[in-house]
Amino acid sequence: YQIYIVTYRGHDGKSLEVTKKYLHDHDIPYDKIIGGTNEKGKIAKEYNMQLFIDDKSMIIKQMIDYNIPYIKMWKEQDNNIKYNVAHNWDEVMEKLHERGI
């Protein structure tokens, strides 16, 4: 599998570089980073992503619209999505294992 990071960071022309540095400094692997967009559903479809993880309900609704499988990271202030929710990265890993990933 490949790991793509899709983020709104970068819309200002600066913050994407800060994000890349953070990922590098913390040894967080990824294959591609796509910045400057909130049209994550469109990007997920364009890149034929097999699964999308996000913490915002509006982004998960895009995944539903584009028929992209998702895992919703739970956060108290945005808990409108009740299905396929993970409360932490251990739960994400459990869900990935359930999918055979």
Protein backbone atom coordinates (compact mmCIF):
# COMPACT_ATOMS: atom_id res chain seq x y z
CA TYR A 1 0.00 0.00 0.00
CA GLN A 2 0.98 3.61 -0.51
CA ILE A 3 0.37 6.37 2.01
CA TYR A 4 -0.89 9.66 0.59
CA ILE A 5 -1.41 12.67 2.82
CA VAL A 6 -4.09 15.08 1.59
CA THR A 7 -4.22 18.32 3.51
CA TYR A 8 -5.53 21.85 3.37
CA ARG A 9 -2.11 22.98 4.54
CA GLY A 10 -0.28 24.66 1.71
CA HIS A 11 -3.13 26.90 0.63
CA ASP A 12 -1.03 29.79 1.96
CA GLY A 13 2.13 28.77 0.11
CA LYS A 14 4.06 28.17 3.35
CA SER A 15 2.48 25.71 5.77
CA LEU A 16 2.98 22.64 3.57
CA GLU A 17 6.75 22.93 3.98
CA VAL A 18 6.31 23.08 7.77
CA THR A 19 4.21 19.91 7.56
CA LYS A 20 6.80 18.11 5.42
CA LYS A 21 9.53 19.08 7.90
CA TYR A 22 7.44 17.79 10.82
CA LEU A 23 6.84 14.47 9.07
CA HIS A 24 10.55 14.16 8.25
CA ASP A 25 11.71 15.14 11.74
CA HIS A 26 9.37 12.55 13.30
CA ASP A 27 10.18 9.77 10.81
CA ILE A 28 6.58 9.54 9.63
CA PRO A 29 6.62 7.75 6.28
CA TYR A 30 4.46 8.70 3.32
CA ASP A 31 4.61 8.27 -0.43
CA LYS A 32 3.00 11.53 -1.56
CA ILE A 33 1.65 14.69 0.02
CA ILE A 34 -1.04 16.74 -1.70
CA GLY A 35 -1.63 20.14 -0.17
CA GLY A 36 -3.78 23.19 -0.52
CA THR A 37 -7.17 21.55 -0.98
CA ASN A 38 -10.32 20.74 0.98
CA GLU A 39 -11.68 18.79 -2.01
CA LYS A 40 -10.32 15.61 -0.52
CA GLY A 41 -13.08 13.41 -1.95
CA LYS A 42 -12.23 14.51 -5.48
CA ILE A 43 -8.51 13.86 -4.85
CA ALA A 44 -9.25 10.45 -3.31
CA LYS A 45 -11.26 9.46 -6.37
CA GLU A 46 -8.66 10.85 -8.79
CA TYR A 47 -5.89 8.84 -7.12
CA ASN A 48 -8.10 5.75 -6.70
CA MET A 49 -7.52 5.66 -2.95
CA GLN A 50 -8.68 2.47 -1.30
CA LEU A 51 -9.24 4.01 2.15
CA PHE A 52 -9.31 7.52 3.60
CA ILE A 53 -8.78 8.55 7.22
CA ASP A 54 -9.90 11.98 8.43
CA ASP A 55 -11.27 13.65 11.56
CA LYS A 56 -13.74 16.03 9.92
CA SER A 57 -17.32 15.01 9.18
CA MET A 58 -17.48 17.28 6.11
CA ILE A 59 -14.54 15.38 4.59
CA ILE A 60 -16.05 11.99 5.47
CA LYS A 61 -19.27 13.10 3.74
CA GLN A 62 -17.17 13.73 0.62
CA MET A 63 -15.82 10.17 0.87
CA ILE A 64 -19.37 8.86 1.13
CA ASP A 65 -20.37 10.92 -1.94
CA TYR A 66 -17.42 9.50 -3.91
CA ASN A 67 -17.95 5.99 -2.52
CA ILE A 68 -14.49 5.89 -0.92
CA PRO A 69 -14.10 3.65 2.16
CA TYR A 70 -13.14 5.67 5.22
CA ILE A 71 -12.25 5.65 8.88
CA LYS A 72 -13.45 8.68 10.84
CA MET A 73 -11.16 9.77 13.65
CA TRP A 74 -13.37 10.71 16.57
CA LYS A 75 -13.15 14.16 18.09
CA GLU A 76 -15.55 15.55 20.64
CA GLN A 77 -16.39 18.76 18.79
CA ASP A 78 -17.12 16.95 15.49
CA ASN A 79 -18.90 13.68 16.15
CA ASN A 80 -21.71 13.74 13.55
CA ILE A 81 -20.47 10.57 11.85
CA LYS A 82 -21.24 7.53 14.00
CA TYR A 83 -20.19 4.68 11.68
CA ASN A 84 -16.63 3.39 11.26
CA VAL A 85 -15.16 5.68 13.90
CA ALA A 86 -11.77 5.21 15.56
CA HIS A 87 -10.85 6.94 18.80
CA ASN A 88 -7.08 6.51 18.41
CA TRP A 89 -4.45 5.04 16.08
CA ASP A 90 -4.60 1.64 17.79
CA GLU A 91 -8.27 1.43 16.79
CA VAL A 92 -7.33 2.48 13.26
CA MET A 93 -4.89 -0.42 13.14
CA GLU A 94 -7.60 -2.81 14.37
CA LYS A 95 -9.92 -1.61 11.61
CA LEU A 96 -7.17 -2.03 9.03
CA HIS A 97 -6.52 -5.58 10.23
CA GLU A 98 -10.25 -6.32 10.02
CA ARG A 99 -10.04 -5.29 6.35
CA GLY A 100 -7.04 -7.54 5.80
CA ILE A 101 -4.67 -4.62 5.43
